[in-house]
Every structure is written in structure tokens, then in C-alpha cells.
Amino acid sequence: MIGNDVKKYRNLIEQYLGRKKPTIEVTELYNRMGQKLVKVLLFSSNNDTTKIKEIHLSLYFGPPNFISLNKISGYELVTNNSDSLNFRPLSYWNK
């Protein structure tokens, strides 16, 4: 399963980025399970005629009490920041 996803994402990255290095944003945002979010920007457009303005690969690390923060525990291809409501600062979840 992961092997097929790696091939698919590699093709997508090469299509949109070519040889350029992607922008990687290590956030301080977490989901309710405690997974830390890292975003890899694959595509961004200011073109008003396209429905998709941004594509990024979300990489999830942790939660630290189950999985080390140096290991990917999940990933997902996201368009137009559709996952933004799922991630908050850690203090939000610790209320």
C-alpha cells in the first residue's frame, strides 16, 4: 500500500515541482489524536479559473506517547487546506 502511494506521490511531485525542492513547513499544529502536522507544498496557484488553489502533502508524526516524533504515522494529500479545521495548537487540545 505505502509503496504504491510513494510512486503516486513521486509522480505528482515531479509533475508539479520538476527538480525544484518542495517547501516544507514544520507546524506547531496537532490533531485531536496528538499527531503533529508537517506540510509539503506541492502546488500553489493564484489563477482564478482553477478550482484547486493549493495541493500539499500532510505528514503526521506521533502522537509521542505511542509513536516517536521522528517517524511518520500517517499522510494525506490535501487540496485547498481542507484539513485546516482538524489541526490546532497543542494548547487547544489540552484544555
C-alpha atoms as a PDB file:
ATOM      1  CA  MET A   1       0.000   0.000   0.000  1.00  0.00           C
ATOM      2  CA  ILE A   2       2.644   2.536   1.001  1.00  0.00           C
ATOM      3  CA  GLY A   3       4.806   1.601  -1.971  1.00  0.00           C
ATOM      4  CA  ASN A   4       2.000   2.471  -4.400  1.00  0.00           C
ATOM      5  CA  ASP A   5       1.387   5.770  -2.611  1.00  0.00           C
ATOM      6  CA  VAL A   6       5.096   6.649  -2.736  1.00  0.00           C
ATOM      7  CA  LYS A   7       5.133   6.044  -6.505  1.00  0.00           C
ATOM      8  CA  LYS A   8       1.950   8.066  -6.971  1.00  0.00           C
ATOM      9  CA  TYR A   9       3.223  10.985  -4.882  1.00  0.00           C
ATOM     10  CA  ARG A  10       6.645  10.872  -6.514  1.00  0.00           C
ATOM     11  CA  ASN A  11       4.987  11.233  -9.929  1.00  0.00           C
ATOM     12  CA  LEU A  12       2.836  14.081  -8.629  1.00  0.00           C
ATOM     13  CA  ILE A  13       5.831  15.873  -7.112  1.00  0.00           C
ATOM     14  CA  GLU A  14       7.845  15.506 -10.311  1.00  0.00           C
ATOM     15  CA  GLN A  15       4.896  16.764 -12.370  1.00  0.00           C
ATOM     16  CA  TYR A  16       4.430  19.960 -10.358  1.00  0.00           C
ATOM     17  CA  LEU A  17       7.904  20.639  -8.993  1.00  0.00           C
ATOM     18  CA  GLY A  18      10.272  19.159 -11.535  1.00  0.00           C
ATOM     19  CA  ARG A  19      13.726  19.416  -9.972  1.00  0.00           C
ATOM     20  CA  LYS A  20      12.789  22.207  -7.559  1.00  0.00           C
ATOM     21  CA  LYS A  21      12.777  21.305  -3.891  1.00  0.00           C
ATOM     22  CA  PRO A  22       9.364  21.444  -2.232  1.00  0.00           C
ATOM     23  CA  THR A  23       8.569  23.920   0.513  1.00  0.00           C
ATOM     24  CA  ILE A  24       8.342  22.068   3.824  1.00  0.00           C
ATOM     25  CA  GLU A  25       6.522  23.693   6.727  1.00  0.00           C
ATOM     26  CA  VAL A  26       7.007  22.135  10.152  1.00  0.00           C
ATOM     27  CA  THR A  27       3.989  23.453  12.032  1.00  0.00           C
ATOM     28  CA  GLU A  28       3.153  23.562  15.708  1.00  0.00           C
ATOM     29  CA  LEU A  29      -0.307  22.193  14.923  1.00  0.00           C
ATOM     30  CA  TYR A  30      -1.747  18.901  16.167  1.00  0.00           C
ATOM     31  CA  ASN A  31      -4.918  16.921  15.579  1.00  0.00           C
ATOM     32  CA  ARG A  32      -7.079  15.567  18.394  1.00  0.00           C
ATOM     33  CA  MET A  33      -5.057  12.327  18.419  1.00  0.00           C
ATOM     34  CA  GLY A  34      -1.881  14.317  19.143  1.00  0.00           C
ATOM     35  CA  GLN A  35      -0.262  13.895  15.734  1.00  0.00           C
ATOM     36  CA  LYS A  36       1.978  16.780  14.685  1.00  0.00           C
ATOM     37  CA  LEU A  37       1.397  18.231  11.197  1.00  0.00           C
ATOM     38  CA  VAL A  38       4.145  18.845   8.638  1.00  0.00           C
ATOM     39  CA  LYS A  39       3.069  20.267   5.261  1.00  0.00           C
ATOM     40  CA  VAL A  40       4.911  19.711   1.985  1.00  0.00           C
ATOM     41  CA  LEU A  41       3.655  22.225  -0.584  1.00  0.00           C
ATOM     42  CA  LEU A  42       3.330  20.583  -3.990  1.00  0.00           C
ATOM     43  CA  PHE A  43       1.271  23.098  -5.962  1.00  0.00           C
ATOM     44  CA  SER A  44       0.081  26.659  -5.497  1.00  0.00           C
ATOM     45  CA  SER A  45      -1.789  28.888  -7.939  1.00  0.00           C
ATOM     46  CA  ASN A  46      -3.275  32.361  -7.922  1.00  0.00           C
ATOM     47  CA  ASN A  47      -5.208  31.631 -11.114  1.00  0.00           C
ATOM     48  CA  ASP A  48      -8.893  32.498 -10.651  1.00  0.00           C
ATOM     49  CA  THR A  49     -10.020  29.945 -13.230  1.00  0.00           C
ATOM     50  CA  THR A  50      -8.808  26.881 -11.321  1.00  0.00           C
ATOM     51  CA  LYS A  51     -10.798  25.271  -8.530  1.00  0.00           C
ATOM     52  CA  ILE A  52      -7.673  23.958  -6.858  1.00  0.00           C
ATOM     53  CA  LYS A  53      -5.526  26.746  -5.446  1.00  0.00           C
ATOM     54  CA  GLU A  54      -3.134  24.594  -3.401  1.00  0.00           C
ATOM     55  CA  ILE A  55      -2.103  20.977  -3.017  1.00  0.00           C
ATOM     56  CA  HIS A  56       0.041  19.848  -0.137  1.00  0.00           C
ATOM     57  CA  LEU A  57       1.098  16.545   1.314  1.00  0.00           C
ATOM     58  CA  SER A  58       0.296  16.374   5.010  1.00  0.00           C
ATOM     59  CA  LEU A  59       2.689  14.232   7.016  1.00  0.00           C
ATOM     60  CA  TYR A  60       1.661  13.231  10.526  1.00  0.00           C
ATOM     61  CA  PHE A  61       4.148  12.433  13.302  1.00  0.00           C
ATOM     62  CA  GLY A  62       3.319  10.892  16.655  1.00  0.00           C
ATOM     63  CA  PRO A  63       1.432  11.048  18.923  1.00  0.00           C
ATOM     64  CA  PRO A  64       4.585  10.943  21.050  1.00  0.00           C
ATOM     65  CA  ASN A  65       3.103   8.676  23.713  1.00  0.00           C
ATOM     66  CA  PHE A  66       2.605   5.938  21.040  1.00  0.00           C
ATOM     67  CA  ILE A  67       4.949   6.699  18.139  1.00  0.00           C
ATOM     68  CA  SER A  68       8.230   8.608  18.157  1.00  0.00           C
ATOM     69  CA  LEU A  69       8.039  12.091  16.618  1.00  0.00           C
ATOM     70  CA  ASN A  70      10.817  11.130  14.213  1.00  0.00           C
ATOM     71  CA  LYS A  71       8.555   8.566  12.469  1.00  0.00           C
ATOM     72  CA  ILE A  72       5.710   9.270  10.066  1.00  0.00           C
ATOM     73  CA  SER A  73       2.478   7.865  11.479  1.00  0.00           C
ATOM     74  CA  GLY A  74       0.211   8.984   8.648  1.00  0.00           C
ATOM     75  CA  TYR A  75      -0.019  11.032   5.481  1.00  0.00           C
ATOM     76  CA  GLU A  76      -2.641  12.501   3.209  1.00  0.00           C
ATOM     77  CA  LEU A  77      -2.857  14.562   0.029  1.00  0.00           C
ATOM     78  CA  VAL A  78      -4.850  17.741   0.796  1.00  0.00           C
ATOM     79  CA  THR A  79      -6.339  20.336  -1.548  1.00  0.00           C
ATOM     80  CA  ASN A  80      -7.149  23.938  -0.655  1.00  0.00           C
ATOM     81  CA  ASN A  81      -6.276  23.430   3.035  1.00  0.00           C
ATOM     82  CA  SER A  82      -9.423  21.339   3.520  1.00  0.00           C
ATOM     83  CA  ASP A  83      -7.903  19.866   6.695  1.00  0.00           C
ATOM     84  CA  SER A  84      -7.332  23.217   8.433  1.00  0.00           C
ATOM     85  CA  LEU A  85     -10.124  22.763  10.988  1.00  0.00           C
ATOM     86  CA  ASN A  86      -8.656  19.440  12.148  1.00  0.00           C
ATOM     87  CA  PHE A  87      -5.382  20.946  13.391  1.00  0.00           C
ATOM     88  CA  ARG A  88      -4.858  23.349  16.294  1.00  0.00           C
ATOM     89  CA  PRO A  89      -2.045  24.357  18.649  1.00  0.00           C
ATOM     90  CA  LEU A  90      -1.359  21.716  21.286  1.00  0.00           C
ATOM     91  CA  SER A  91      -2.741  24.038  23.994  1.00  0.00           C
ATOM     92  CA  TYR A  92      -6.177  23.906  22.317  1.00  0.00           C
ATOM     93  CA  TRP A  93      -6.396  20.137  22.820  1.00  0.00           C
ATOM     94  CA  ASN A  94      -5.055  20.264  26.387  1.00  0.00           C
ATOM     95  CA  LYS A  95      -7.896  22.400  27.769  1.00  0.00           C
END
